Amino acid sequence: SDYESKVLAILESDPDASKLLSEGYNVTAIRPIVKAVVSGTGEVSLKATRAVVLLKGPSGSLARVLVDVEQGKVLEIVTLARTVIRK
């Protein structure tokens, strides 16, 4: 959809997020954060102002990226690495 395309374009334009993508991370999910807006007449509309993008990297690492769609920028990147020790 257009929304997902816009989120992906923002991801690719951010240097840190694009570095993750170039390192082999793949987008597994784009979850919009929906905000309800009430106008002066009492009408309610829903707007997806932000999105959480989940990335899965090589060797099981994960990343969560918070994207502000209205401002067109990445707000936060959290990476998680998993270490498995088998005995």
PDB file of N, CA and C in Angstrom:
ATOM      1  N   SER A   1       0.832  -1.188   0.000  1.00  0.00           N
ATOM      2  CA  SER A   1       0.000   0.000   0.000  1.00  0.00           C
ATOM      3  C   SER A   1       0.875   1.251   0.000  1.00  0.00           C
ATOM      4  N   ASP A   2       0.254   2.383  -0.166  1.00  0.00           N
ATOM      5  CA  ASP A   2       0.985   3.651  -0.182  1.00  0.00           C
ATOM      6  C   ASP A   2       1.619   3.941   1.171  1.00  0.00           C
ATOM      7  N   TYR A   3       0.894   3.598   2.242  1.00  0.00           N
ATOM      8  CA  TYR A   3       1.404   3.837   3.598  1.00  0.00           C
ATOM      9  C   TYR A   3       2.693   3.051   3.824  1.00  0.00           C
ATOM     10  N   GLU A   4       2.686   1.768   3.477  1.00  0.00           N
ATOM     11  CA  GLU A   4       3.874   0.929   3.658  1.00  0.00           C
ATOM     12  C   GLU A   4       5.029   1.421   2.789  1.00  0.00           C
ATOM     13  N   SER A   5       4.737   1.841   1.580  1.00  0.00           N
ATOM     14  CA  SER A   5       5.774   2.377   0.695  1.00  0.00           C
ATOM     15  C   SER A   5       6.418   3.616   1.289  1.00  0.00           C
ATOM     16  N   LYS A   6       5.597   4.472   1.888  1.00  0.00           N
ATOM     17  CA  LYS A   6       6.110   5.696   2.501  1.00  0.00           C
ATOM     18  C   LYS A   6       7.003   5.363   3.693  1.00  0.00           C
ATOM     19  N   VAL A   7       6.571   4.408   4.524  1.00  0.00           N
ATOM     20  CA  VAL A   7       7.356   3.996   5.686  1.00  0.00           C
ATOM     21  C   VAL A   7       8.695   3.411   5.228  1.00  0.00           C
ATOM     22  N   LEU A   8       8.674   2.565   4.200  1.00  0.00           N
ATOM     23  CA  LEU A   8       9.905   1.965   3.687  1.00  0.00           C
ATOM     24  C   LEU A   8      10.851   3.019   3.108  1.00  0.00           C
ATOM     25  N   ALA A   9      10.298   4.026   2.444  1.00  0.00           N
ATOM     26  CA  ALA A   9      11.125   5.106   1.892  1.00  0.00           C
ATOM     27  C   ALA A   9      11.807   5.889   3.014  1.00  0.00           C
ATOM     28  N   ILE A  10      11.090   6.117   4.108  1.00  0.00           N
ATOM     29  CA  ILE A  10      11.677   6.815   5.265  1.00  0.00           C
ATOM     30  C   ILE A  10      12.790   5.964   5.863  1.00  0.00           C
ATOM     31  N   LEU A  11      12.544   4.660   5.974  1.00  0.00           N
ATOM     32  CA  LEU A  11      13.565   3.740   6.498  1.00  0.00           C
ATOM     33  C   LEU A  11      14.835   3.788   5.663  1.00  0.00           C
ATOM     34  N   GLU A  12      14.680   3.718   4.351  1.00  0.00           N
ATOM     35  CA  GLU A  12      15.828   3.687   3.448  1.00  0.00           C
ATOM     36  C   GLU A  12      16.586   5.007   3.422  1.00  0.00           C
ATOM     37  N   SER A  13      15.910   6.107   3.737  1.00  0.00           N
ATOM     38  CA  SER A  13      16.578   7.413   3.721  1.00  0.00           C
ATOM     39  C   SER A  13      17.336   7.696   5.012  1.00  0.00           C
ATOM     40  N   ASP A  14      17.056   6.960   6.080  1.00  0.00           N
ATOM     41  CA  ASP A  14      17.760   7.142   7.343  1.00  0.00           C
ATOM     42  C   ASP A  14      19.084   6.369   7.293  1.00  0.00           C
ATOM     43  N   PRO A  15      20.203   7.006   7.630  1.00  0.00           N
ATOM     44  CA  PRO A  15      21.496   6.323   7.506  1.00  0.00           C
ATOM     45  C   PRO A  15      21.627   5.077   8.397  1.00  0.00           C
ATOM     46  N   ASP A  16      21.144   5.151   9.626  1.00  0.00           N
ATOM     47  CA  ASP A  16      21.272   4.007  10.539  1.00  0.00           C
ATOM     48  C   ASP A  16      20.372   2.855  10.121  1.00  0.00           C
ATOM     49  N   ALA A  17      19.149   3.168   9.738  1.00  0.00           N
ATOM     50  CA  ALA A  17      18.216   2.116   9.314  1.00  0.00           C
ATOM     51  C   ALA A  17      18.665   1.490   8.001  1.00  0.00           C
ATOM     52  N   SER A  18      19.153   2.304   7.074  1.00  0.00           N
ATOM     53  CA  SER A  18      19.607   1.744   5.802  1.00  0.00           C
ATOM     54  C   SER A  18      20.848   0.879   5.992  1.00  0.00           C
ATOM     55  N   LYS A  19      21.661   1.199   7.002  1.00  0.00           N
ATOM     56  CA  LYS A  19      22.825   0.363   7.310  1.00  0.00           C
ATOM     57  C   LYS A  19      22.370  -1.028   7.755  1.00  0.00           C
ATOM     58  N   LEU A  20      21.327  -1.084   8.583  1.00  0.00           N
ATOM     59  CA  LEU A  20      20.787  -2.380   9.006  1.00  0.00           C
ATOM     60  C   LEU A  20      20.288  -3.176   7.800  1.00  0.00           C
ATOM     61  N   LEU A  21      19.597  -2.501   6.906  1.00  0.00           N
ATOM     62  CA  LEU A  21      19.080  -3.181   5.711  1.00  0.00           C
ATOM     63  C   LEU A  21      20.227  -3.702   4.843  1.00  0.00           C
ATOM     64  N   SER A  22      21.294  -2.932   4.741  1.00  0.00           N
ATOM     65  CA  SER A  22      22.435  -3.377   3.936  1.00  0.00           C
ATOM     66  C   SER A  22      23.201  -4.510   4.601  1.00  0.00           C
ATOM     67  N   GLU A  23      23.069  -4.639   5.920  1.00  0.00           N
ATOM     68  CA  GLU A  23      23.725  -5.722   6.653  1.00  0.00           C
ATOM     69  C   GLU A  23      22.926  -7.017   6.608  1.00  0.00           C
ATOM     70  N   GLY A  24      21.799  -7.006   5.914  1.00  0.00           N
ATOM     71  CA  GLY A  24      21.031  -8.233   5.757  1.00  0.00           C
ATOM     72  C   GLY A  24      19.748  -8.310   6.558  1.00  0.00           C
ATOM     73  N   TYR A  25      19.373  -7.238   7.239  1.00  0.00           N
ATOM     74  CA  TYR A  25      18.098  -7.224   7.959  1.00  0.00           C
ATOM     75  C   TYR A  25      16.955  -7.146   6.947  1.00  0.00           C
ATOM     76  N   ASN A  26      15.883  -7.868   7.224  1.00  0.00           N
ATOM     77  CA  ASN A  26      14.697  -7.871   6.365  1.00  0.00           C
ATOM     78  C   ASN A  26      13.496  -7.363   7.145  1.00  0.00           C
ATOM     79  N   VAL A  27      12.637  -6.625   6.484  1.00  0.00           N
ATOM     80  CA  VAL A  27      11.409  -6.135   7.104  1.00  0.00           C
ATOM     81  C   VAL A  27      10.447  -7.311   7.248  1.00  0.00           C
ATOM     82  N   THR A  28      10.028  -7.576   8.493  1.00  0.00           N
ATOM     83  CA  THR A  28       9.081  -8.665   8.734  1.00  0.00           C
ATOM     84  C   THR A  28       7.672  -8.152   9.003  1.00  0.00           C
ATOM     85  N   ALA A  29       7.554  -6.918   9.502  1.00  0.00           N
ATOM     86  CA  ALA A  29       6.224  -6.374   9.772  1.00  0.00           C
ATOM     87  C   ALA A  29       6.282  -4.855   9.843  1.00  0.00           C
ATOM     88  N   ILE A  30       5.201  -4.222   9.392  1.00  0.00           N
ATOM     89  CA  ILE A  30       5.008  -2.780   9.550  1.00  0.00           C
ATOM     90  C   ILE A  30       3.682  -2.619  10.270  1.00  0.00           C
ATOM     91  N   ARG A  31       3.747  -2.097  11.483  1.00  0.00           N
ATOM     92  CA  ARG A  31       2.544  -1.948  12.301  1.00  0.00           C
ATOM     93  C   ARG A  31       2.263  -0.460  12.531  1.00  0.00           C
ATOM     94  N   PRO A  32       1.184   0.035  11.979  1.00  0.00           N
ATOM     95  CA  PRO A  32       0.868   1.459  12.161  1.00  0.00           C
ATOM     96  C   PRO A  32       0.405   1.744  13.593  1.00  0.00           C
ATOM     97  N   ILE A  33       0.750   2.920  14.073  1.00  0.00           N
ATOM     98  CA  ILE A  33       0.241   3.418  15.349  1.00  0.00           C
ATOM     99  C   ILE A  33      -0.830   4.437  14.987  1.00  0.00           C
ATOM    100  N   VAL A  34      -2.065   4.113  15.328  1.00  0.00           N
ATOM    101  CA  VAL A  34      -3.213   4.914  14.908  1.00  0.00           C
ATOM    102  C   VAL A  34      -3.613   5.878  16.027  1.00  0.00           C
ATOM    103  N   LYS A  35      -3.870   7.126  15.625  1.00  0.00           N
ATOM    104  CA  LYS A  35      -4.263   8.169  16.562  1.00  0.00           C
ATOM    105  C   LYS A  35      -5.648   8.676  16.163  1.00  0.00           C
ATOM    106  N   ALA A  36      -6.529   8.793  17.145  1.00  0.00           N
ATOM    107  CA  ALA A  36      -7.866   9.347  16.893  1.00  0.00           C
ATOM    108  C   ALA A  36      -7.810  10.866  17.041  1.00  0.00           C
ATOM    109  N   VAL A  37      -8.379  11.571  16.049  1.00  0.00           N
ATOM    110  CA  VAL A  37      -8.396  13.032  16.059  1.00  0.00           C
ATOM    111  C   VAL A  37      -9.849  13.485  16.079  1.00  0.00           C
ATOM    112  N   VAL A  38     -10.196  14.340  17.046  1.00  0.00           N
ATOM    113  CA  VAL A  38     -11.562  14.853  17.171  1.00  0.00           C
ATOM    114  C   VAL A  38     -11.573  16.298  16.694  1.00  0.00           C
ATOM    115  N   SER A  39     -12.426  16.595  15.724  1.00  0.00           N
ATOM    116  CA  SER A  39     -12.522  17.957  15.199  1.00  0.00           C
ATOM    117  C   SER A  39     -13.429  18.798  16.097  1.00  0.00           C
ATOM    118  N   GLY A  40     -13.518  20.070  15.799  1.00  0.00           N
ATOM    119  CA  GLY A  40     -14.358  20.978  16.574  1.00  0.00           C
ATOM    120  C   GLY A  40     -15.839  20.643  16.497  1.00  0.00           C
ATOM    121  N   THR A  41     -16.260  19.969  15.429  1.00  0.00           N
ATOM    122  CA  THR A  41     -17.664  19.583  15.275  1.00  0.00           C
ATOM    123  C   THR A  41     -17.971  18.241  15.932  1.00  0.00           C
ATOM    124  N   GLY A  42     -16.935  17.621  16.497  1.00  0.00           N
ATOM    125  CA  GLY A  42     -17.145  16.338  17.163  1.00  0.00           C
ATOM    126  C   GLY A  42     -16.900  15.124  16.274  1.00  0.00           C
ATOM    127  N   GLU A  43     -16.541  15.366  15.029  1.00  0.00           N
ATOM    128  CA  GLU A  43     -16.257  14.243  14.143  1.00  0.00           C
ATOM    129  C   GLU A  43     -14.918  13.621  14.514  1.00  0.00           C
ATOM    130  N   VAL A  44     -14.869  12.301  14.491  1.00  0.00           N
ATOM    131  CA  VAL A  44     -13.657  11.569  14.841  1.00  0.00           C
ATOM    132  C   VAL A  44     -13.075  10.948  13.577  1.00  0.00           C
ATOM    133  N   SER A  45     -11.777  11.151  13.403  1.00  0.00           N
ATOM    134  CA  SER A  45     -11.086  10.505  12.284  1.00  0.00           C
ATOM    135  C   SER A  45      -9.849   9.804  12.829  1.00  0.00           C
ATOM    136  N   LEU A  46      -9.473   8.741  12.166  1.00  0.00           N
ATOM    137  CA  LEU A  46      -8.287   7.991  12.565  1.00  0.00           C
ATOM    138  C   LEU A  46      -7.151   8.308  11.614  1.00  0.00           C
ATOM    139  N   LYS A  47      -5.943   8.423  12.181  1.00  0.00           N
ATOM    140  CA  LYS A  47      -4.792   8.754  11.363  1.00  0.00           C
ATOM    141  C   LYS A  47      -3.591   7.954  11.865  1.00  0.00           C
ATOM    142  N   ALA A  48      -2.896   7.299  10.952  1.00  0.00           N
ATOM    143  CA  ALA A  48      -1.691   6.554  11.298  1.00  0.00           C
ATOM    144  C   ALA A  48      -0.510   7.510  11.217  1.00  0.00           C
ATOM    145  N   THR A  49      -0.112   8.060  12.363  1.00  0.00           N
ATOM    146  CA  THR A  49       0.941   9.072  12.403  1.00  0.00           C
ATOM    147  C   THR A  49       2.331   8.475  12.541  1.00  0.00           C
ATOM    148  N   ARG A  50       2.411   7.293  13.134  1.00  0.00           N
ATOM    149  CA  ARG A  50       3.693   6.621  13.341  1.00  0.00           C
ATOM    150  C   ARG A  50       3.559   5.155  12.966  1.00  0.00           C
ATOM    151  N   ALA A  51       4.707   4.499  12.874  1.00  0.00           N
ATOM    152  CA  ALA A  51       4.706   3.069  12.571  1.00  0.00           C
ATOM    153  C   ALA A  51       5.864   2.405  13.302  1.00  0.00           C
ATOM    154  N   VAL A  52       5.646   1.164  13.697  1.00  0.00           N
ATOM    155  CA  VAL A  52       6.703   0.333  14.253  1.00  0.00           C
ATOM    156  C   VAL A  52       7.068  -0.683  13.172  1.00  0.00           C
ATOM    157  N   VAL A  53       8.337  -0.692  12.794  1.00  0.00           N
ATOM    158  CA  VAL A  53       8.817  -1.624  11.778  1.00  0.00           C
ATOM    159  C   VAL A  53       9.696  -2.659  12.467  1.00  0.00           C
ATOM    160  N   LEU A  54       9.377  -3.920  12.257  1.00  0.00           N
ATOM    161  CA  LEU A  54      10.163  -5.002  12.827  1.00  0.00           C
ATOM    162  C   LEU A  54      11.075  -5.570  11.758  1.00  0.00           C
ATOM    163  N   LEU A  55      12.344  -5.718  12.114  1.00  0.00           N
ATOM    164  CA  LEU A  55      13.352  -6.230  11.197  1.00  0.00           C
ATOM    165  C   LEU A  55      13.975  -7.487  11.795  1.00  0.00           C
ATOM    166  N   LYS A  56      14.248  -8.443  10.933  1.00  0.00           N
ATOM    167  CA  LYS A  56      14.946  -9.653  11.367  1.00  0.00           C
ATOM    168  C   LYS A  56      16.259  -9.711  10.623  1.00  0.00           C
ATOM    169  N   GLY A  57      17.320  -9.883  11.382  1.00  0.00           N
ATOM    170  CA  GLY A  57      18.644  -9.879  10.791  1.00  0.00           C
ATOM    171  C   GLY A  57      19.268 -11.250  10.731  1.00  0.00           C
ATOM    172  N   PRO A  58      20.475 -11.270  10.224  1.00  0.00           N
ATOM    173  CA  PRO A  58      21.189 -12.542  10.160  1.00  0.00           C
ATOM    174  C   PRO A  58      21.467 -13.065  11.568  1.00  0.00           C
ATOM    175  N   SER A  59      21.546 -14.339  11.681  1.00  0.00           N
ATOM    176  CA  SER A  59      21.832 -15.043  12.946  1.00  0.00           C
ATOM    177  C   SER A  59      20.814 -14.740  14.041  1.00  0.00           C
ATOM    178  N   GLY A  60      19.580 -14.452  13.665  1.00  0.00           N
ATOM    179  CA  GLY A  60      18.500 -14.305  14.639  1.00  0.00           C
ATOM    180  C   GLY A  60      18.400 -12.974  15.348  1.00  0.00           C
ATOM    181  N   SER A  61      19.201 -12.002  14.973  1.00  0.00           N
ATOM    182  CA  SER A  61      19.104 -10.693  15.609  1.00  0.00           C
ATOM    183  C   SER A  61      17.828  -9.989  15.151  1.00  0.00           C
ATOM    184  N   LEU A  62      17.335  -9.114  16.007  1.00  0.00           N
ATOM    185  CA  LEU A  62      16.091  -8.391  15.727  1.00  0.00           C
ATOM    186  C   LEU A  62      16.303  -6.895  15.901  1.00  0.00           C
ATOM    187  N   ALA A  63      15.479  -6.116  15.216  1.00  0.00           N
ATOM    188  CA  ALA A  63      15.503  -4.662  15.386  1.00  0.00           C
ATOM    189  C   ALA A  63      14.072  -4.143  15.312  1.00  0.00           C
ATOM    190  N   ARG A  64      13.815  -3.118  16.128  1.00  0.00           N
ATOM    191  CA  ARG A  64      12.515  -2.445  16.109  1.00  0.00           C
ATOM    192  C   ARG A  64      12.791  -0.979  15.810  1.00  0.00           C
ATOM    193  N   VAL A  65      12.115  -0.473  14.780  1.00  0.00           N
ATOM    194  CA  VAL A  65      12.345   0.904  14.339  1.00  0.00           C
ATOM    195  C   VAL A  65      11.044   1.680  14.475  1.00  0.00           C
ATOM    196  N   LEU A  66      11.091   2.806  15.186  1.00  0.00           N
ATOM    197  CA  LEU A  66       9.939   3.685  15.325  1.00  0.00           C
ATOM    198  C   LEU A  66      10.057   4.795  14.291  1.00  0.00           C
ATOM    199  N   VAL A  67       9.045   4.892  13.407  1.00  0.00           N
ATOM    200  CA  VAL A  67       9.070   5.848  12.301  1.00  0.00           C
ATOM    201  C   VAL A  67       7.951   6.868  12.485  1.00  0.00           C
ATOM    202  N   ASP A  68       8.288   8.150  12.393  1.00  0.00           N
ATOM    203  CA  ASP A  68       7.285   9.214  12.398  1.00  0.00           C
ATOM    204  C   ASP A  68       6.934   9.495  10.940  1.00  0.00           C
ATOM    205  N   VAL A  69       5.751   9.095  10.535  1.00  0.00           N
ATOM    206  CA  VAL A  69       5.345   9.211   9.136  1.00  0.00           C
ATOM    207  C   VAL A  69       5.049  10.665   8.770  1.00  0.00           C
ATOM    208  N   GLU A  70       4.483  11.422   9.697  1.00  0.00           N
ATOM    209  CA  GLU A  70       4.150  12.821   9.411  1.00  0.00           C
ATOM    210  C   GLU A  70       5.398  13.659   9.170  1.00  0.00           C
ATOM    211  N   GLN A  71       6.435  13.466   9.993  1.00  0.00           N
ATOM    212  CA  GLN A  71       7.662  14.247   9.860  1.00  0.00           C
ATOM    213  C   GLN A  71       8.660  13.604   8.904  1.00  0.00           C
ATOM    214  N   GLY A  72       8.411  12.348   8.533  1.00  0.00           N
ATOM    215  CA  GLY A  72       9.277  11.661   7.584  1.00  0.00           C
ATOM    216  C   GLY A  72      10.641  11.316   8.128  1.00  0.00           C
ATOM    217  N   LYS A  73      10.687  10.866   9.407  1.00  0.00           N
ATOM    218  CA  LYS A  73      11.990  10.529   9.974  1.00  0.00           C
ATOM    219  C   LYS A  73      11.891   9.353  10.934  1.00  0.00           C
ATOM    220  N   VAL A  74      13.028   8.718  11.157  1.00  0.00           N
ATOM    221  CA  VAL A  74      13.135   7.625  12.114  1.00  0.00           C
ATOM    222  C   VAL A  74      13.377   8.238  13.484  1.00  0.00           C
ATOM    223  N   LEU A  75      12.585   7.819  14.471  1.00  0.00           N
ATOM    224  CA  LEU A  75      12.711   8.358  15.820  1.00  0.00           C
ATOM    225  C   LEU A  75      13.607   7.515  16.719  1.00  0.00           C
ATOM    226  N   GLU A  76      13.565   6.187  16.526  1.00  0.00           N
ATOM    227  CA  GLU A  76      14.288   5.313  17.443  1.00  0.00           C
ATOM    228  C   GLU A  76      14.558   3.964  16.779  1.00  0.00           C
ATOM    229  N   ILE A  77      15.726   3.418  17.057  1.00  0.00           N
ATOM    230  CA  ILE A  77      16.072   2.074  16.597  1.00  0.00           C
ATOM    231  C   ILE A  77      16.563   1.289  17.809  1.00  0.00           C
ATOM    232  N   VAL A  78      15.946   0.143  18.039  1.00  0.00           N
ATOM    233  CA  VAL A  78      16.357  -0.746  19.125  1.00  0.00           C
ATOM    234  C   VAL A  78      16.755  -2.075  18.493  1.00  0.00           C
ATOM    235  N   THR A  79      17.997  -2.501  18.730  1.00  0.00           N
ATOM    236  CA  THR A  79      18.448  -3.781  18.199  1.00  0.00           C
ATOM    237  C   THR A  79      18.635  -4.771  19.346  1.00  0.00           C
ATOM    238  N   LEU A  80      18.294  -6.010  19.073  1.00  0.00           N
ATOM    239  CA  LEU A  80      18.444  -7.078  20.056  1.00  0.00           C
ATOM    240  C   LEU A  80      19.237  -8.202  19.415  1.00  0.00           C
ATOM    241  N   ALA A  81      20.275  -8.608  20.087  1.00  0.00           N
ATOM    242  CA  ALA A  81      21.075  -9.729  19.589  1.00  0.00           C
ATOM    243  C   ALA A  81      20.824 -10.929  20.490  1.00  0.00           C
ATOM    244  N   ARG A  82      20.749 -12.069  19.880  1.00  0.00           N
ATOM    245  CA  ARG A  82      20.495 -13.290  20.632  1.00  0.00           C
ATOM    246  C   ARG A  82      21.718 -14.179  20.544  1.00  0.00           C
ATOM    247  N   THR A  83      22.147 -14.643  21.695  1.00  0.00           N
ATOM    248  CA  THR A  83      23.281 -15.560  21.751  1.00  0.00           C
ATOM    249  C   THR A  83      22.793 -16.883  22.324  1.00  0.00           C
ATOM    250  N   VAL A  84      23.035 -17.953  21.601  1.00  0.00           N
ATOM    251  CA  VAL A  84      22.640 -19.282  22.037  1.00  0.00           C
ATOM    252  C   VAL A  84      23.908 -20.080  22.293  1.00  0.00           C
ATOM    253  N   ILE A  85      23.997 -20.624  23.488  1.00  0.00           N
ATOM    254  CA  ILE A  85      25.132 -21.486  23.840  1.00  0.00           C
ATOM    255  C   ILE A  85      24.587 -22.896  24.013  1.00  0.00           C
ATOM    256  N   ARG A  86      24.957 -23.772  23.127  1.00  0.00           N
ATOM    257  CA  ARG A  86      24.499 -25.164  23.203  1.00  0.00           C
ATOM    258  C   ARG A  86      25.573 -26.009  23.829  1.00  0.00           C
ATOM    259  N   LYS A  87      25.148 -26.873  24.729  1.00  0.00           N
ATOM    260  CA  LYS A  87      26.099 -27.758  25.419  1.00  0.00           C
ATOM    261  C   LYS A  87      25.717 -29.198  25.237  1.00  0.00           C
TER     262      LYS A  87
END
